[in-house]
């Protein structure tokens, strides 16, 4: 959880951790409170359903597309 109370959830394959790190850094850097990303490579998800959730948000579960 970052200083704004944002938790990052989802699955990232080995070698794609920098995508998750850049996603997470966006919240500290830009003050965003919600987002999601999914990245496919050769038809296979390598960054799957990575999303944010605010501990101060009224939602109790991650967003669904």
N, C-alpha and C. Protein backbone atom coordinates (compact mmCIF):
# COMPACT_ATOMS: atom_id res chain seq x y z
N UNK A 1 0.85 -1.17 0.00
CA UNK A 1 0.00 0.00 0.00
C UNK A 1 0.91 1.24 0.00
N UNK A 2 0.55 2.22 -0.81
CA UNK A 2 1.36 3.43 -0.87
C UNK A 2 0.88 4.45 0.16
N UNK A 3 1.48 5.63 0.13
CA UNK A 3 1.15 6.66 1.13
C UNK A 3 -0.28 7.18 1.01
N UNK A 4 -0.92 6.99 -0.14
CA UNK A 4 -2.30 7.43 -0.32
C UNK A 4 -3.31 6.33 0.01
N UNK A 5 -2.81 5.17 0.44
CA UNK A 5 -3.69 4.06 0.76
C UNK A 5 -4.11 3.26 -0.45
N UNK A 6 -3.33 3.31 -1.54
CA UNK A 6 -3.65 2.57 -2.76
C UNK A 6 -2.95 1.21 -2.72
N UNK A 7 -3.72 0.15 -2.92
CA UNK A 7 -3.18 -1.20 -3.01
C UNK A 7 -3.20 -1.62 -4.47
N UNK A 8 -2.17 -2.35 -4.91
CA UNK A 8 -2.10 -2.85 -6.28
C UNK A 8 -2.32 -4.36 -6.23
N UNK A 9 -3.23 -4.83 -7.07
CA UNK A 9 -3.56 -6.26 -7.13
C UNK A 9 -3.41 -6.74 -8.57
N UNK A 10 -3.24 -8.04 -8.74
CA UNK A 10 -3.16 -8.64 -10.06
C UNK A 10 -1.95 -9.53 -10.17
N UNK A 11 -1.77 -10.10 -11.35
CA UNK A 11 -0.68 -11.04 -11.58
C UNK A 11 0.23 -10.53 -12.69
N UNK A 12 1.53 -10.69 -12.47
CA UNK A 12 2.53 -10.25 -13.43
C UNK A 12 3.53 -11.38 -13.63
N UNK A 13 3.76 -11.75 -14.89
CA UNK A 13 4.73 -12.80 -15.18
C UNK A 13 6.15 -12.29 -14.94
N UNK A 14 7.04 -13.22 -14.65
CA UNK A 14 8.46 -12.88 -14.47
C UNK A 14 8.96 -12.12 -15.70
N UNK A 15 9.70 -11.06 -15.45
CA UNK A 15 10.22 -10.23 -16.53
C UNK A 15 9.37 -9.02 -16.84
N UNK A 16 8.16 -8.95 -16.27
CA UNK A 16 7.25 -7.84 -16.51
C UNK A 16 6.95 -7.04 -15.24
N UNK A 17 7.77 -7.24 -14.22
CA UNK A 17 7.57 -6.54 -12.95
C UNK A 17 7.67 -5.02 -13.11
N UNK A 18 8.47 -4.56 -14.06
CA UNK A 18 8.62 -3.11 -14.26
C UNK A 18 7.30 -2.47 -14.71
N UNK A 19 6.45 -3.24 -15.37
CA UNK A 19 5.13 -2.71 -15.76
C UNK A 19 4.30 -2.44 -14.51
N UNK A 20 4.29 -3.41 -13.60
CA UNK A 20 3.57 -3.22 -12.33
C UNK A 20 4.16 -2.06 -11.53
N UNK A 21 5.49 -1.98 -11.49
CA UNK A 21 6.15 -0.90 -10.74
C UNK A 21 5.80 0.47 -11.32
N UNK A 22 5.79 0.58 -12.65
CA UNK A 22 5.43 1.86 -13.29
C UNK A 22 3.96 2.19 -13.03
N UNK A 23 3.11 1.18 -13.07
CA UNK A 23 1.69 1.36 -12.77
C UNK A 23 1.52 1.90 -11.35
N UNK A 24 2.20 1.27 -10.40
CA UNK A 24 2.10 1.68 -8.99
C UNK A 24 2.66 3.08 -8.78
N UNK A 25 3.77 3.40 -9.43
CA UNK A 25 4.41 4.70 -9.26
C UNK A 25 3.50 5.84 -9.73
N UNK A 26 2.63 5.55 -10.69
CA UNK A 26 1.73 6.56 -11.22
C UNK A 26 0.83 7.16 -10.12
N UNK A 27 0.47 6.38 -9.14
CA UNK A 27 -0.42 6.85 -8.08
C UNK A 27 0.30 7.84 -7.17
N UNK A 28 1.55 7.53 -6.83
CA UNK A 28 2.34 8.45 -6.01
C UNK A 28 2.68 9.72 -6.79
N UNK A 29 3.05 9.54 -8.04
CA UNK A 29 3.53 10.66 -8.87
C UNK A 29 2.40 11.59 -9.31
N UNK A 30 1.26 11.03 -9.70
CA UNK A 30 0.18 11.82 -10.30
C UNK A 30 -1.08 11.92 -9.44
N UNK A 31 -1.12 11.19 -8.33
CA UNK A 31 -2.27 11.27 -7.44
C UNK A 31 -3.52 10.56 -7.94
N UNK A 32 -3.37 9.69 -8.94
CA UNK A 32 -4.53 8.94 -9.41
C UNK A 32 -5.04 8.04 -8.29
N UNK A 33 -6.32 7.66 -8.35
CA UNK A 33 -6.89 6.80 -7.31
C UNK A 33 -7.48 5.51 -7.86
N UNK A 34 -7.56 5.37 -9.16
CA UNK A 34 -8.10 4.14 -9.72
C UNK A 34 -7.67 3.92 -11.15
N UNK A 35 -7.29 2.69 -11.47
CA UNK A 35 -6.90 2.33 -12.83
C UNK A 35 -6.76 0.82 -12.91
N UNK A 36 -6.67 0.32 -14.14
CA UNK A 36 -6.45 -1.11 -14.37
C UNK A 36 -5.69 -1.27 -15.67
N UNK A 37 -4.95 -2.37 -15.78
CA UNK A 37 -4.20 -2.64 -17.01
C UNK A 37 -4.07 -4.14 -17.20
N UNK A 38 -4.08 -4.55 -18.46
CA UNK A 38 -3.84 -5.94 -18.83
C UNK A 38 -3.00 -5.90 -20.11
N UNK A 39 -1.92 -6.65 -20.15
CA UNK A 39 -1.01 -6.66 -21.30
C UNK A 39 -0.89 -8.10 -21.81
N UNK A 40 -1.08 -8.25 -23.12
CA UNK A 40 -0.93 -9.55 -23.76
C UNK A 40 0.32 -9.55 -24.63
N UNK A 41 1.01 -10.68 -24.66
CA UNK A 41 2.14 -10.87 -25.56
C UNK A 41 1.94 -12.21 -26.26
N UNK A 42 1.89 -12.16 -27.57
CA UNK A 42 1.67 -13.37 -28.38
C UNK A 42 0.39 -14.09 -27.94
N UNK A 43 -0.65 -13.33 -27.62
CA UNK A 43 -1.94 -13.91 -27.26
C UNK A 43 -2.04 -14.43 -25.84
N UNK A 44 -1.01 -14.20 -25.03
CA UNK A 44 -0.97 -14.70 -23.65
C UNK A 44 -0.86 -13.52 -22.69
N UNK A 45 -1.70 -13.46 -21.64
CA UNK A 45 -1.60 -12.33 -20.70
C UNK A 45 -0.32 -12.42 -19.87
N UNK A 46 0.50 -11.37 -19.93
CA UNK A 46 1.72 -11.32 -19.13
C UNK A 46 1.57 -10.35 -17.96
N UNK A 47 0.64 -9.45 -18.06
CA UNK A 47 0.24 -8.56 -16.97
C UNK A 47 -1.28 -8.70 -16.92
N UNK A 48 -1.77 -9.45 -15.94
CA UNK A 48 -3.18 -9.83 -15.93
C UNK A 48 -3.95 -9.13 -14.82
N UNK A 49 -4.91 -8.32 -15.24
CA UNK A 49 -5.85 -7.69 -14.31
C UNK A 49 -5.15 -6.94 -13.17
N UNK A 50 -4.06 -6.24 -13.49
CA UNK A 50 -3.41 -5.41 -12.48
C UNK A 50 -4.29 -4.18 -12.29
N UNK A 51 -4.68 -3.92 -11.06
CA UNK A 51 -5.61 -2.84 -10.76
C UNK A 51 -5.31 -2.25 -9.40
N UNK A 52 -5.85 -1.08 -9.19
CA UNK A 52 -5.66 -0.40 -7.91
C UNK A 52 -6.94 -0.45 -7.11
N UNK A 53 -6.76 -0.31 -5.82
CA UNK A 53 -7.90 -0.19 -4.92
C UNK A 53 -7.49 0.73 -3.78
N UNK A 54 -8.32 1.69 -3.50
CA UNK A 54 -8.04 2.63 -2.42
C UNK A 54 -8.62 2.11 -1.12
N UNK A 55 -7.82 2.16 -0.06
CA UNK A 55 -8.32 1.72 1.24
C UNK A 55 -9.33 2.72 1.80
N UNK A 56 -9.37 3.91 1.23
CA UNK A 56 -10.34 4.91 1.69
C UNK A 56 -11.57 4.95 0.81
N UNK A 57 -11.57 4.16 -0.27
CA UNK A 57 -12.69 4.10 -1.20
C UNK A 57 -13.81 3.27 -0.57
N UNK A 58 -15.04 3.54 -0.95
CA UNK A 58 -16.17 2.77 -0.41
C UNK A 58 -16.25 1.37 -0.98
N UNK A 59 -15.58 1.12 -2.10
CA UNK A 59 -15.61 -0.22 -2.68
C UNK A 59 -14.91 -1.21 -1.76
N UNK A 60 -15.41 -2.41 -1.71
CA UNK A 60 -14.80 -3.43 -0.87
C UNK A 60 -14.14 -4.51 -1.69
N UNK A 61 -14.24 -4.44 -3.01
CA UNK A 61 -13.58 -5.42 -3.87
C UNK A 61 -13.03 -4.72 -5.09
N UNK A 62 -12.05 -5.35 -5.77
CA UNK A 62 -11.47 -4.74 -6.96
C UNK A 62 -12.52 -4.51 -8.04
N UNK A 63 -12.26 -3.55 -8.91
CA UNK A 63 -13.17 -3.27 -10.03
C UNK A 63 -13.22 -4.45 -10.99
N UNK A 64 -14.31 -4.57 -11.67
CA UNK A 64 -14.46 -5.61 -12.70
C UNK A 64 -14.81 -4.92 -14.01
N UNK A 65 -14.22 -5.44 -15.07
CA UNK A 65 -14.47 -4.85 -16.40
C UNK A 65 -15.84 -5.23 -16.92
